[in-house]
Amino acid sequence: MLVVARTSLPHTHDLERLLALASESDWPPPPTVVEAGWLTPWGVQFRYDEVVESLDTEAALAACDAALSWAVEVVHTE
């Protein structure tokens, strides 16, 4: 969505940072997507270190569904 919004992409897996950038775009993500920033440890820390917290798979899948729905909606209105 940042590419669609022509936003410069930082080299990061920090979902909170990326969601903050998306929130400043012409197509801000809905609150359910913004709240997905809690998934950052699984996008960053897990790549390099062991994550000590367990993943709430159901909540993670719900966040993914919300993000996909938002993206599809924006792309189809473009």
N, C-alpha and C. Protein backbone atom coordinates (compact mmCIF):
# COMPACT_ATOMS: atom_id res chain seq x y z
N MET A 1 0.82 -1.19 0.00
CA MET A 1 0.00 0.00 0.00
C MET A 1 0.86 1.25 0.00
N LEU A 2 2.04 1.15 0.59
CA LEU A 2 2.94 2.30 0.56
C LEU A 2 3.41 2.59 -0.86
N VAL A 3 3.59 1.56 -1.66
CA VAL A 3 3.97 1.75 -3.06
C VAL A 3 2.83 2.42 -3.82
N VAL A 4 1.60 1.96 -3.60
CA VAL A 4 0.44 2.57 -4.25
C VAL A 4 0.34 4.05 -3.88
N ALA A 5 0.67 4.36 -2.64
CA ALA A 5 0.61 5.74 -2.16
C ALA A 5 1.86 6.54 -2.54
N ARG A 6 2.77 5.90 -3.27
CA ARG A 6 4.03 6.53 -3.70
C ARG A 6 4.83 7.06 -2.51
N THR A 7 4.88 6.26 -1.48
CA THR A 7 5.64 6.60 -0.28
C THR A 7 7.00 5.91 -0.36
N SER A 8 8.03 6.64 0.02
CA SER A 8 9.36 6.06 0.04
C SER A 8 9.41 4.95 1.09
N LEU A 9 9.89 3.79 0.68
CA LEU A 9 9.92 2.64 1.57
C LEU A 9 11.23 2.56 2.33
N PRO A 10 11.16 2.58 3.64
CA PRO A 10 12.39 2.36 4.41
C PRO A 10 12.74 0.87 4.41
N HIS A 11 13.98 0.57 4.62
CA HIS A 11 14.42 -0.83 4.69
C HIS A 11 14.21 -1.30 6.12
N THR A 12 13.01 -1.81 6.40
CA THR A 12 12.68 -2.23 7.75
C THR A 12 11.58 -3.29 7.71
N HIS A 13 11.55 -4.08 8.75
CA HIS A 13 10.46 -5.03 8.96
C HIS A 13 9.61 -4.58 10.15
N ASP A 14 9.84 -3.36 10.61
CA ASP A 14 9.12 -2.82 11.77
C ASP A 14 7.71 -2.43 11.32
N LEU A 15 6.75 -3.28 11.63
CA LEU A 15 5.37 -3.04 11.19
C LEU A 15 4.79 -1.75 11.77
N GLU A 16 5.15 -1.42 13.00
CA GLU A 16 4.64 -0.18 13.59
C GLU A 16 5.12 1.03 12.79
N ARG A 17 6.37 1.02 12.38
CA ARG A 17 6.90 2.13 11.58
C ARG A 17 6.22 2.18 10.22
N LEU A 18 6.07 1.03 9.57
CA LEU A 18 5.43 1.00 8.26
C LEU A 18 3.96 1.41 8.34
N LEU A 19 3.28 0.99 9.39
CA LEU A 19 1.87 1.38 9.57
C LEU A 19 1.74 2.87 9.85
N ALA A 20 2.71 3.44 10.56
CA ALA A 20 2.70 4.89 10.80
C ALA A 20 2.83 5.63 9.48
N LEU A 21 3.71 5.16 8.61
CA LEU A 21 3.86 5.77 7.29
C LEU A 21 2.56 5.64 6.48
N ALA A 22 1.97 4.46 6.52
CA ALA A 22 0.71 4.24 5.79
C ALA A 22 -0.39 5.14 6.32
N SER A 23 -0.38 5.41 7.61
CA SER A 23 -1.42 6.25 8.22
C SER A 23 -1.35 7.69 7.71
N GLU A 24 -0.18 8.09 7.22
CA GLU A 24 0.00 9.45 6.70
C GLU A 24 -0.34 9.53 5.21
N SER A 25 -0.68 8.42 4.59
CA SER A 25 -0.94 8.39 3.15
C SER A 25 -2.38 8.79 2.83
N ASP A 26 -2.68 8.83 1.54
CA ASP A 26 -4.04 9.14 1.09
C ASP A 26 -5.02 8.03 1.42
N TRP A 27 -4.50 6.83 1.70
CA TRP A 27 -5.34 5.68 2.02
C TRP A 27 -4.92 5.10 3.37
N PRO A 28 -5.21 5.80 4.44
CA PRO A 28 -4.77 5.29 5.75
C PRO A 28 -5.45 3.97 6.07
N PRO A 29 -4.71 3.10 6.73
CA PRO A 29 -5.28 1.80 7.09
C PRO A 29 -6.34 1.95 8.17
N PRO A 30 -7.30 1.05 8.19
CA PRO A 30 -8.31 1.08 9.24
C PRO A 30 -7.68 0.72 10.59
N PRO A 31 -8.34 1.09 11.68
CA PRO A 31 -7.78 0.80 13.01
C PRO A 31 -7.40 -0.65 13.23
N THR A 32 -8.17 -1.57 12.68
CA THR A 32 -7.84 -2.99 12.88
C THR A 32 -6.49 -3.35 12.26
N VAL A 33 -6.11 -2.65 11.21
CA VAL A 33 -4.81 -2.89 10.58
C VAL A 33 -3.72 -2.18 11.36
N VAL A 34 -3.97 -0.95 11.78
CA VAL A 34 -2.98 -0.19 12.55
C VAL A 34 -2.63 -0.95 13.83
N GLU A 35 -3.61 -1.57 14.43
CA GLU A 35 -3.39 -2.32 15.66
C GLU A 35 -2.50 -3.54 15.45
N ALA A 36 -2.26 -3.92 14.21
CA ALA A 36 -1.44 -5.10 13.92
C ALA A 36 0.04 -4.86 14.17
N GLY A 37 0.40 -3.66 14.59
CA GLY A 37 1.79 -3.38 14.92
C GLY A 37 2.35 -4.32 15.98
N TRP A 38 1.48 -4.93 16.75
CA TRP A 38 1.93 -5.87 17.78
C TRP A 38 2.63 -7.09 17.16
N LEU A 39 2.46 -7.29 15.85
CA LEU A 39 3.11 -8.41 15.17
C LEU A 39 4.59 -8.15 14.85
N THR A 40 5.07 -6.95 15.10
CA THR A 40 6.45 -6.59 14.77
C THR A 40 7.48 -7.60 15.28
N PRO A 41 7.39 -8.08 16.51
CA PRO A 41 8.43 -9.04 16.94
C PRO A 41 8.54 -10.26 16.04
N TRP A 42 7.45 -10.68 15.45
CA TRP A 42 7.50 -11.86 14.57
C TRP A 42 8.01 -11.50 13.18
N GLY A 43 8.03 -10.24 12.84
CA GLY A 43 8.58 -9.81 11.56
C GLY A 43 10.03 -9.37 11.66
N VAL A 44 10.47 -9.05 12.87
CA VAL A 44 11.82 -8.52 13.06
C VAL A 44 12.64 -9.48 13.92
N GLN A 45 12.27 -9.58 15.16
CA GLN A 45 13.06 -10.33 16.13
C GLN A 45 13.17 -11.80 15.75
N PHE A 46 12.08 -12.39 15.27
CA PHE A 46 12.09 -13.81 14.94
C PHE A 46 13.09 -14.13 13.83
N ARG A 47 13.36 -13.16 12.98
CA ARG A 47 14.31 -13.38 11.88
C ARG A 47 15.73 -13.55 12.41
N TYR A 48 16.01 -12.95 13.56
CA TYR A 48 17.38 -12.92 14.06
C TYR A 48 17.57 -13.58 15.43
N ASP A 49 16.55 -13.54 16.25
CA ASP A 49 16.62 -14.07 17.61
C ASP A 49 15.41 -14.95 17.88
N GLU A 50 15.47 -15.64 18.97
CA GLU A 50 14.31 -16.44 19.39
C GLU A 50 13.30 -15.52 20.07
N VAL A 51 12.05 -15.61 19.63
CA VAL A 51 10.97 -14.83 20.25
C VAL A 51 10.46 -15.63 21.44
N VAL A 52 10.41 -14.97 22.59
CA VAL A 52 10.01 -15.70 23.80
C VAL A 52 8.50 -15.71 24.00
N GLU A 53 7.80 -14.82 23.31
CA GLU A 53 6.34 -14.77 23.43
C GLU A 53 5.71 -15.76 22.44
N SER A 54 4.56 -16.29 22.82
CA SER A 54 3.86 -17.15 21.87
C SER A 54 2.97 -16.29 20.98
N LEU A 55 2.80 -16.71 19.76
CA LEU A 55 2.00 -15.96 18.79
C LEU A 55 0.54 -16.35 18.92
N ASP A 56 -0.32 -15.35 19.00
CA ASP A 56 -1.76 -15.57 18.99
C ASP A 56 -2.15 -15.73 17.51
N THR A 57 -2.15 -16.95 17.05
CA THR A 57 -2.37 -17.24 15.63
C THR A 57 -3.70 -16.71 15.14
N GLU A 58 -4.74 -16.87 15.92
CA GLU A 58 -6.06 -16.40 15.51
C GLU A 58 -6.07 -14.88 15.31
N ALA A 59 -5.47 -14.15 16.23
CA ALA A 59 -5.41 -12.69 16.11
C ALA A 59 -4.52 -12.28 14.95
N ALA A 60 -3.42 -13.00 14.73
CA ALA A 60 -2.53 -12.70 13.62
C ALA A 60 -3.24 -12.90 12.28
N LEU A 61 -3.98 -13.98 12.15
CA LEU A 61 -4.73 -14.23 10.91
C LEU A 61 -5.82 -13.20 10.70
N ALA A 62 -6.46 -12.76 11.76
CA ALA A 62 -7.49 -11.71 11.66
C ALA A 62 -6.85 -10.40 11.19
N ALA A 63 -5.67 -10.09 11.70
CA ALA A 63 -4.96 -8.88 11.28
C ALA A 63 -4.59 -8.97 9.80
N CYS A 64 -4.15 -10.15 9.37
CA CYS A 64 -3.81 -10.36 7.96
C CYS A 64 -5.04 -10.21 7.07
N ASP A 65 -6.15 -10.77 7.48
CA ASP A 65 -7.39 -10.64 6.71
C ASP A 65 -7.81 -9.18 6.59
N ALA A 66 -7.69 -8.43 7.69
CA ALA A 66 -8.06 -7.01 7.67
C ALA A 66 -7.14 -6.23 6.74
N ALA A 67 -5.85 -6.52 6.78
CA ALA A 67 -4.89 -5.83 5.90
C ALA A 67 -5.16 -6.15 4.43
N LEU A 68 -5.44 -7.40 4.15
CA LEU A 68 -5.73 -7.80 2.77
C LEU A 68 -7.01 -7.15 2.27
N SER A 69 -8.04 -7.12 3.09
CA SER A 69 -9.30 -6.48 2.71
C SER A 69 -9.10 -5.00 2.41
N TRP A 70 -8.31 -4.33 3.25
CA TRP A 70 -8.01 -2.91 3.05
C TRP A 70 -7.27 -2.72 1.72
N ALA A 71 -6.27 -3.54 1.46
CA ALA A 71 -5.49 -3.41 0.23
C ALA A 71 -6.36 -3.65 -1.00
N VAL A 72 -7.18 -4.67 -0.97
CA VAL A 72 -8.06 -4.98 -2.10
C VAL A 72 -9.02 -3.82 -2.35
N GLU A 73 -9.57 -3.28 -1.29
CA GLU A 73 -10.51 -2.15 -1.42
C GLU A 73 -9.83 -0.96 -2.08
N VAL A 74 -8.61 -0.62 -1.64
CA VAL A 74 -7.90 0.53 -2.19
C VAL A 74 -7.53 0.28 -3.65
N VAL A 75 -7.01 -0.89 -3.95
CA VAL A 75 -6.59 -1.19 -5.32
C VAL A 75 -7.78 -1.16 -6.28
N HIS A 76 -8.92 -1.66 -5.82
CA HIS A 76 -10.10 -1.67 -6.70
C HIS A 76 -10.72 -0.29 -6.88
N THR A 77 -10.42 0.67 -6.02
CA THR A 77 -10.95 2.02 -6.18
C THR A 77 -9.99 2.92 -6.95
N GLU A 78 -8.79 2.43 -7.17
CA GLU A 78 -7.78 3.21 -7.90
C GLU A 78 -8.06 3.21 -9.37
